[in-house]
Protein backbone atom coordinates (compact mmCIF):
# COMPACT_ATOMS: atom_id res chain seq x y z
CA MET A 1 -8.08 18.37 1.80
CA ARG A 2 -5.95 16.43 -0.62
CA ALA A 3 -7.25 12.90 -0.64
CA ARG A 4 -7.88 9.84 -2.68
CA SER A 5 -10.42 7.04 -2.39
CA ILE A 6 -9.28 3.49 -1.79
CA ARG A 7 -11.30 0.28 -2.15
CA LEU A 8 -10.60 -2.45 0.36
CA SER A 9 -10.54 -5.03 -2.41
CA CYS A 10 -7.54 -3.27 -3.96
CA LEU A 11 -5.91 -0.89 -1.51
CA CYS A 12 -3.12 0.71 -3.50
CA ALA A 13 0.18 2.16 -2.35
CA CYS A 14 1.46 5.36 -3.88
CA THR A 15 4.00 4.34 -6.51
CA VAL A 16 6.78 6.28 -8.19
CA ALA A 17 8.03 3.97 -10.92
CA PHE A 18 7.87 3.30 -14.64
CA SER A 19 6.27 0.52 -16.62
CA GLY A 20 9.70 -0.44 -17.88
CA CYS A 21 10.52 -1.91 -14.47
CA ARG A 22 7.12 -3.41 -13.71
CA GLY A 23 6.73 -7.17 -13.91
CA LYS A 24 3.36 -8.85 -14.45
CA GLU A 25 2.37 -11.62 -12.10
CA ARG A 26 1.04 -14.68 -13.89
CA ALA A 27 -2.57 -15.75 -13.57
CA GLU A 28 -3.35 -18.49 -11.08
CA ASN A 29 -3.96 -21.13 -13.78
CA ALA A 30 -1.19 -20.04 -16.13
CA PRO A 31 2.01 -22.05 -16.50
CA PRO A 32 4.67 -21.17 -13.91
CA ALA A 33 7.40 -18.68 -14.74
CA THR A 34 10.56 -20.05 -16.22
CA THR A 35 12.99 -21.69 -13.84
CA ALA A 36 16.01 -21.63 -16.13
CA SER A 37 19.30 -22.26 -14.40
CA ALA A 38 22.99 -21.99 -15.04
CA THR A 39 23.50 -25.70 -14.44
CA ALA A 40 26.26 -27.39 -16.44
CA ALA A 41 25.53 -30.51 -18.52
CA PRO A 42 24.93 -33.48 -16.20
CA THR A 43 27.77 -35.89 -15.49
CA ALA A 44 27.85 -39.21 -13.68
CA ALA A 45 27.28 -37.27 -10.44
CA PRO A 46 24.70 -34.53 -11.21
CA GLU A 47 25.43 -31.20 -9.62
CA THR A 48 22.92 -29.24 -7.56
CA PRO A 49 20.99 -26.94 -9.95
CA VAL A 50 21.81 -23.27 -9.71
CA PRO A 51 18.62 -21.18 -9.40
CA ALA A 52 17.90 -18.59 -12.07
CA VAL A 53 17.24 -16.04 -9.33
CA LEU A 54 18.40 -16.48 -5.74
CA CYS A 55 16.83 -14.32 -3.04
CA ARG A 56 19.07 -13.33 -0.18
CA VAL A 57 17.68 -11.77 3.00
CA GLN A 58 19.70 -9.80 5.48
CA ASP A 59 18.42 -11.72 8.52
CA ASP A 60 18.46 -15.22 6.99
CA PRO A 61 21.46 -17.23 8.28
CA LYS A 62 21.28 -19.68 5.35
CA ALA A 63 21.31 -17.07 2.56
CA PRO A 64 22.59 -13.81 4.05
CA ILE A 65 23.48 -10.75 2.02
CA ALA A 66 27.18 -10.06 1.74
CA ARG A 67 28.26 -7.28 4.11
CA ARG A 68 29.43 -4.99 1.30
CA ASP A 69 26.15 -5.36 -0.62
CA LEU A 70 24.11 -4.84 2.55
CA ASP A 71 26.04 -1.69 3.44
CA ASP A 72 25.69 -0.35 -0.11
CA LEU A 73 21.94 -1.04 -0.26
CA THR A 74 21.25 0.32 3.22
CA GLY A 75 23.25 3.45 2.43
CA ALA A 76 21.45 3.95 -0.89
CA ALA A 77 18.03 3.65 0.77
CA GLN A 78 18.96 6.12 3.51
CA ARG A 79 20.30 8.62 0.97
CA ILE A 80 17.07 8.40 -1.02
CA ALA A 81 15.06 9.03 2.16
CA ASN A 82 17.16 12.11 2.85
CA MET A 83 16.69 13.35 -0.72
CA LEU A 84 12.91 13.09 -0.31
CA ARG A 85 13.13 15.69 2.44
CA GLY A 86 14.66 18.16 -0.01
CA GLU A 87 12.83 20.81 -2.00
CA THR A 88 13.00 19.10 -5.39
CA GLY A 89 12.85 15.60 -6.81
CA LEU A 90 15.39 16.26 -9.54
CA PRO A 91 18.27 14.53 -7.69
CA LEU A 92 16.17 11.36 -7.54
CA TRP A 93 15.30 11.66 -11.22
CA ASN A 94 19.03 11.67 -11.94
CA LEU A 95 19.47 8.51 -9.85
CA LEU A 96 17.04 6.53 -12.00
CA ASP A 97 18.41 3.58 -13.91
CA PRO A 98 18.85 4.45 -17.61
CA GLN A 99 16.32 1.80 -18.62
CA VAL A 100 13.49 3.63 -16.84
CA ARG A 101 14.61 7.28 -17.13
CA ASP A 102 12.17 8.15 -19.90
CA ALA A 103 12.02 11.91 -20.52
CA SER A 104 8.37 11.70 -21.60
CA ARG A 105 7.44 10.49 -18.12
CA ARG A 106 9.56 12.90 -16.12
CA GLU A 107 6.69 15.24 -15.23
CA ARG A 108 4.53 12.38 -13.96
CA PHE A 109 7.42 10.92 -11.99
CA LEU A 110 8.12 14.22 -10.24
CA ALA A 111 4.42 14.80 -9.50
CA ASN A 112 4.09 11.36 -7.88
CA LEU A 113 7.32 11.95 -6.04
CA ASP A 114 5.88 15.11 -4.50
CA THR A 115 3.13 13.02 -2.87
CA VAL A 116 5.64 10.61 -1.37
CA ALA A 117 7.93 13.44 -0.27
CA ALA A 118 5.07 15.21 1.52
CA ARG A 119 4.54 12.15 3.71
CA VAL A 120 8.25 11.75 4.39
CA ARG A 121 8.69 15.40 5.39
CA ARG A 122 5.95 15.06 8.02
CA ALA A 123 7.40 11.82 9.38
CA GLY A 124 10.22 11.28 11.83
CA SER A 125 13.46 9.41 11.42
CA ALA A 126 13.73 6.38 9.12
CA THR A 127 15.06 2.89 9.80
CA VAL A 128 15.93 0.27 7.19
CA GLU A 129 13.79 -2.61 8.43
CA ARG A 130 14.61 -5.20 5.76
CA VAL A 131 16.59 -5.71 2.54
CA LEU A 132 15.95 -8.35 -0.12
CA LEU A 133 18.63 -9.02 -2.76
CA LEU A 134 17.66 -10.93 -5.90
CA GLU A 135 20.82 -12.38 -7.47
CA VAL A 136 20.08 -13.01 -11.14
CA ALA A 137 22.05 -15.64 -13.05
CA PRO A 138 23.77 -14.40 -16.24
CA GLY A 139 21.53 -14.32 -19.30
CA ILE A 140 18.28 -14.81 -17.37
CA GLN A 141 15.47 -12.57 -18.62
CA GLY A 142 11.69 -12.39 -18.35
CA PRO A 143 9.03 -12.61 -15.64
CA MET A 144 10.05 -14.56 -12.55
CA LYS A 145 8.44 -15.58 -9.28
CA VAL A 146 11.04 -15.84 -6.53
CA THR A 147 10.73 -17.22 -3.01
CA CYS A 148 12.53 -15.24 -0.32
CA PRO A 149 13.33 -17.06 2.98
CA VAL A 150 12.14 -14.31 5.33
CA PRO A 151 12.07 -15.38 9.00
CA GLY A 152 8.51 -16.04 10.07
CA GLY A 153 7.36 -17.20 6.64
CA ALA A 154 8.59 -17.05 3.05
CA TRP A 155 7.75 -14.07 0.84
CA THR A 156 7.04 -14.36 -2.87
CA VAL A 157 8.36 -11.68 -5.22
CA ALA A 158 6.99 -11.53 -8.76
CA THR A 159 9.14 -9.35 -10.99
CA ARG A 160 10.80 -9.07 -14.38
CA VAL A 161 14.55 -9.60 -14.65
CA ASP A 162 17.06 -8.72 -17.36
CA GLY A 163 20.28 -10.33 -16.17
CA ALA A 164 21.13 -7.71 -13.51
CA ASP A 165 20.70 -8.13 -9.75
CA LEU A 166 17.69 -6.42 -8.17
CA ALA A 167 17.04 -5.31 -4.60
CA LEU A 168 14.17 -4.13 -2.42
CA ALA A 169 14.99 -2.00 0.61
CA TYR A 170 12.24 -1.26 3.15
CA LEU A 171 12.34 1.99 5.13
CA ALA A 172 10.01 2.48 8.12
CA PHE A 173 9.50 6.03 9.42
CA ASP A 174 8.49 7.23 12.86
CA GLY A 175 5.35 9.33 13.27
CA ASP A 176 1.61 9.25 13.83
CA PRO A 177 -1.10 8.44 12.92
CA LEU A 178 0.00 6.83 9.61
CA PRO A 179 3.82 6.72 9.42
CA PRO A 180 5.04 5.76 5.95
CA ARG A 181 6.91 2.72 4.80
CA LEU A 182 8.90 3.12 1.61
CA VAL A 183 9.84 0.31 -0.75
CA VAL A 184 12.95 1.37 -2.66
CA ARG A 185 13.59 -0.75 -5.76
CA LEU A 186 17.17 -0.84 -7.04
CA ARG A 187 19.08 -2.44 -9.92
CA ARG A 188 22.78 -3.20 -9.93
CA GLY A 189 24.58 -1.10 -12.52
CA ALA A 190 28.16 -0.82 -13.68
CA LYS A 191 28.94 1.81 -11.03
CA GLY A 192 26.69 0.75 -8.18
CA TRP A 193 22.98 0.58 -7.44
CA ASN A 194 20.56 2.57 -9.61
CA LEU A 195 17.02 3.54 -8.62
CA LEU A 196 14.11 1.77 -10.34
CA GLY A 197 11.23 3.17 -8.31
CA ILE A 198 9.78 4.08 -4.94
CA GLU A 199 6.51 2.86 -3.43
CA SER A 200 4.85 4.30 -0.34
CA SER A 201 2.42 2.66 2.05
CA ALA A 202 2.38 2.63 5.87
CA HIS A 203 3.50 0.30 8.66
CA ARG A 204 1.39 1.43 11.64
CA TYR A 205 -1.90 3.19 12.24
CA ARG A 206 -2.20 5.03 15.53
CA GLY A 207 0.65 2.99 16.94
CA VAL A 208 -0.82 -0.41 16.00
CA ASP A 209 0.61 -2.76 13.35
CA ALA A 210 -0.99 -5.05 10.75
CA PRO A 211 -1.08 -8.31 12.80
CA ALA A 212 -2.86 -6.50 15.63
CA TYR A 213 -5.47 -5.00 13.28
CA LEU A 214 -6.08 -8.41 11.71
CA ALA A 215 -6.58 -9.89 15.19
CA ARG A 216 -9.03 -7.07 15.96
CA ALA A 217 -10.90 -7.81 12.73
CA GLU A 218 -11.17 -11.50 13.56
CA ALA A 219 -12.41 -10.70 17.07
CA ALA A 220 -14.98 -8.21 15.74
CA HIS A 221 -16.22 -10.79 13.22
CA THR A 222 -16.61 -13.39 15.97
CA ALA A 223 -18.53 -10.86 18.08
CA GLY A 224 -20.90 -10.05 15.21
CA ARG A 225 -19.60 -6.56 14.42
CA PRO A 226 -19.17 -6.67 10.62
CA VAL A 227 -18.37 -2.98 10.04
CA GLU A 228 -15.52 -2.97 12.54
CA ALA A 229 -14.30 -6.31 11.19
CA TYR A 230 -14.20 -5.04 7.61
CA LEU A 231 -12.54 -1.70 8.36
CA ASP A 232 -9.95 -3.20 10.74
CA ALA A 233 -9.09 -5.79 8.08
CA GLY A 234 -8.81 -2.97 5.55
CA ILE A 235 -6.32 -1.20 7.78
CA ALA A 236 -4.40 -4.46 8.15
CA GLN A 237 -4.30 -4.72 4.36
CA VAL A 238 -2.81 -1.24 4.03
CA LEU A 239 -0.19 -1.96 6.68
CA SER A 240 0.75 -5.40 5.30
CA MET A 241 1.68 -4.13 1.84
CA ARG A 242 5.29 -4.83 0.91
CA GLY A 243 5.27 -3.48 -2.63
CA ARG A 244 3.96 -4.41 -6.05
CA GLY A 245 4.25 -8.12 -6.79
CA VAL A 246 5.26 -9.01 -3.22
CA LYS A 247 3.15 -11.44 -1.22
CA THR A 248 3.74 -12.37 2.41
CA PRO A 249 2.01 -14.85 4.71
CA LEU A 250 0.37 -11.91 6.50
CA SER A 251 -0.91 -10.24 3.35
CA GLY A 252 -2.30 -13.61 2.29
CA ARG A 253 -4.21 -14.04 5.54
CA VAL A 254 -5.65 -10.54 5.26
CA ALA A 255 -6.75 -11.11 1.66
CA GLN A 256 -8.35 -14.42 2.63
CA PHE A 257 -10.27 -12.74 5.46
CA LEU A 258 -11.55 -9.96 3.19
CA ALA A 259 -12.60 -12.40 0.48
CA LYS A 260 -15.28 -14.04 2.62
CA GLY A 261 -18.13 -11.63 1.94
CA ARG A 262 -16.99 -9.05 4.47
CA ALA A 263 -17.83 -6.10 2.21
CA THR A 264 -21.46 -7.15 1.71
CA ALA A 265 -21.92 -7.77 5.42
CA ALA A 266 -20.46 -4.33 6.25
CA GLU A 267 -22.70 -2.59 3.70
CA ARG A 268 -25.82 -4.22 5.16
CA ALA A 269 -24.77 -3.32 8.70
CA VAL A 270 -24.14 0.32 7.70
CA ALA A 271 -27.57 0.51 6.05
CA LYS A 272 -29.15 -0.80 9.24
CA ALA A 273 -27.18 1.64 11.42
CA LEU A 274 -28.26 4.57 9.23
CA ASP A 275 -31.85 3.30 8.98
CA LEU A 276 -31.64 3.26 5.18
CA PRO A 277 -32.78 0.70 2.62
CA SER A 278 -29.87 -1.55 1.73
CA ASP A 279 -29.93 -0.43 -1.92
CA ARG A 280 -29.04 3.12 -0.88
CA ILE A 281 -25.62 1.99 0.37
CA VAL A 282 -23.44 1.64 -2.71
CA SER A 283 -20.17 0.67 -1.02
CA VAL A 284 -18.13 0.90 2.16
CA GLY A 285 -14.36 1.27 2.22
CA LEU A 286 -11.43 3.32 3.45
CA PHE A 287 -10.44 6.82 2.43
CA ASN A 288 -6.75 7.74 2.48
CA THR A 289 -5.73 11.37 2.87
CA GLU A 290 -2.05 10.30 2.66
CA PHE A 291 -1.67 11.28 6.34
CA ASP A 292 -4.70 9.52 7.87
CA LEU A 293 -7.43 6.97 7.19
CA ALA A 294 -11.21 7.31 7.44
CA PRO A 295 -14.23 5.11 6.76
CA ARG A 296 -15.79 5.92 3.39
CA ILE A 297 -19.51 5.38 2.81
CA ARG A 298 -20.92 5.89 -0.67
CA TYR A 299 -24.70 6.26 -0.60
CA VAL A 300 -27.65 7.40 -2.71
CA THR A 301 -28.62 10.86 -1.49
CA LYS A 302 -32.08 12.36 -1.21
CA VAL A 303 -30.66 15.80 -2.01
CA GLY A 304 -31.70 16.47 -5.58
CA ASP A 305 -28.57 18.36 -6.64
CA LEU A 306 -24.99 17.28 -5.88
CA ARG A 307 -23.98 20.94 -6.09
CA ASP A 308 -26.20 21.82 -3.10
CA GLU A 309 -23.38 21.77 -0.56
CA PRO A 310 -25.32 23.15 2.46
CA ARG A 311 -27.99 20.44 2.24
CA LEU A 312 -25.41 17.73 1.62
CA ARG A 313 -23.43 18.84 4.66
CA LYS A 314 -26.55 18.73 6.79
CA GLU A 315 -27.42 15.27 5.48
CA SER A 316 -23.90 13.89 6.04
CA ALA A 317 -23.78 15.32 9.59
CA ARG A 318 -27.07 13.57 10.40
CA LEU A 319 -25.77 10.31 8.95
CA ALA A 320 -22.51 10.59 10.91
CA ASP A 321 -24.40 11.10 14.18
CA ALA A 322 -26.54 8.04 13.51
CA LEU A 323 -23.50 5.95 12.55
CA VAL A 324 -21.54 6.76 15.71
CA GLN A 325 -24.57 6.20 17.93
CA ARG A 326 -24.98 2.70 16.51
CA ILE A 327 -21.26 1.89 16.12
CA PRO A 328 -19.43 4.00 18.76
CA ALA A 329 -16.15 2.12 18.26
CA LEU A 330 -15.60 4.00 14.99
CA ALA A 331 -14.99 7.23 16.92
CA GLN A 332 -12.31 5.46 18.93
CA THR A 333 -10.39 4.39 15.82
CA PHE A 334 -10.98 7.24 13.38
CA ASP A 335 -11.12 11.04 13.51
CA THR A 336 -13.49 11.50 10.57
CA VAL A 337 -15.91 9.61 8.35
CA VAL A 338 -16.24 10.43 4.66
CA PHE A 339 -19.64 10.32 2.94
CA GLU A 340 -19.79 10.18 -0.85
CA ALA A 341 -23.23 11.12 -2.14
CA VAL A 342 -24.42 9.88 -5.54
CA GLU A 343 -27.73 10.59 -7.25
CA THR A 344 -28.17 7.04 -8.55
CA PRO A 345 -26.19 3.82 -8.08
CA PRO A 346 -23.69 3.03 -10.86
CA ALA A 347 -25.04 0.84 -13.66
CA THR A 348 -22.31 -1.73 -12.94
CA PRO A 349 -20.07 -2.08 -9.87
CA GLY A 350 -17.00 0.13 -10.18
CA ALA A 351 -18.39 2.19 -13.05
CA PRO A 352 -17.51 5.94 -12.98
CA VAL A 353 -20.11 8.06 -11.23
CA ASP A 354 -20.35 11.69 -10.06
CA VAL A 355 -19.98 12.04 -6.29
CA ALA A 356 -20.18 14.84 -3.75
CA ARG A 357 -17.74 14.15 -0.92
CA MET A 358 -18.22 15.38 2.65
CA ALA A 359 -15.87 14.68 5.58
CA VAL A 360 -17.48 14.78 9.03
CA ARG A 361 -15.47 14.80 12.24
CA ILE A 362 -16.58 12.09 14.67
CA ALA A 363 -13.76 11.95 17.25
CA GLU A 364 -13.73 14.12 20.36
CA ARG A 365 -9.94 14.13 20.58
CA PRO A 366 -7.83 16.73 18.73
CA PRO A 367 -6.75 15.80 15.18
CA ALA A 368 -3.94 13.26 15.25
CA HIS A 369 -1.95 15.20 12.69
CA PRO A 370 -2.70 18.96 12.49
CA PRO A 371 -2.02 20.75 9.21
CA ALA A 372 1.60 21.68 8.59
CA PRO A 373 2.36 25.37 9.25
CA ALA A 374 2.56 27.64 6.25
CA PRO A 375 6.09 28.65 5.16
CA GLY A 376 7.34 31.41 7.41
CA GLY A 377 4.48 30.85 9.85
């Protein structure tokens, strides 16, 4: 099983990009990013300042995207989605903007692209759900924080600009249980739009979107079910991602919910459900197999050797049974639970530690997404 571990405090999307196009968001207490403008020298009647970067949104009547730009950006995003279904990522490498097409990073780019492409190939058709166009005033360079007037609440985009217009196109794919959402980053070049990078997250989990999972988390918290509250909020966090440096009202509400000690409460509740001392539960989170999500419980094992797979499997099966008996709702949301055994807790939180990982099936229904058939099968 190809998988990666994800912490709820920093649930990361798969990214195919280069550092050359990555902007750094300023610290909370740092001075704000520059707001230079192209305003002429004031006269007796001062003119309205021209913003350094103006965000246009396709569905905003006050600052819409010009039809030609919208058609070009939508077409570029759809073509990139189609290329991801191909057998090689080389066509996308050739689409990269010259400023980020670094030959020394080609191998890494193509390897990351394979991960994104695997999700796209298993998904259904794609729809461009939103396009943001950042119009950059001539000569403006450096880190910027831009407000985008998205209906339902403004988004904030933190990025680095170099005088050329930038765009973010969002593609939502059909499928189940974890259909992907791609964020395609583009830069206006002399002959059209060039690719800066691709980020992959998801927009639904088992047919339910981020606002619904956040509502479930809030309801579970009110009802005194901390494990369900924490995991549902974690799912909401995954589904609310809109790309690196992008904050939305929804992602802010999810982050605020998770910041209120939810992890500690979930860890204590899991220890109680498993009838273990609280210090044997190292952490609780989500595990992302790229095609599905599962609760992840890292614990201190009583098996003396992490290489003793038979005993670890027996231990994890016993723990899974106890967990579902005490928290049956987990089997209604997830197919599996992942246990990560460690011999001793890490010296400091987040420190590297050897783990033995066991996935235990807890759902009675068939897998939501069976393995893809082998070529020719």
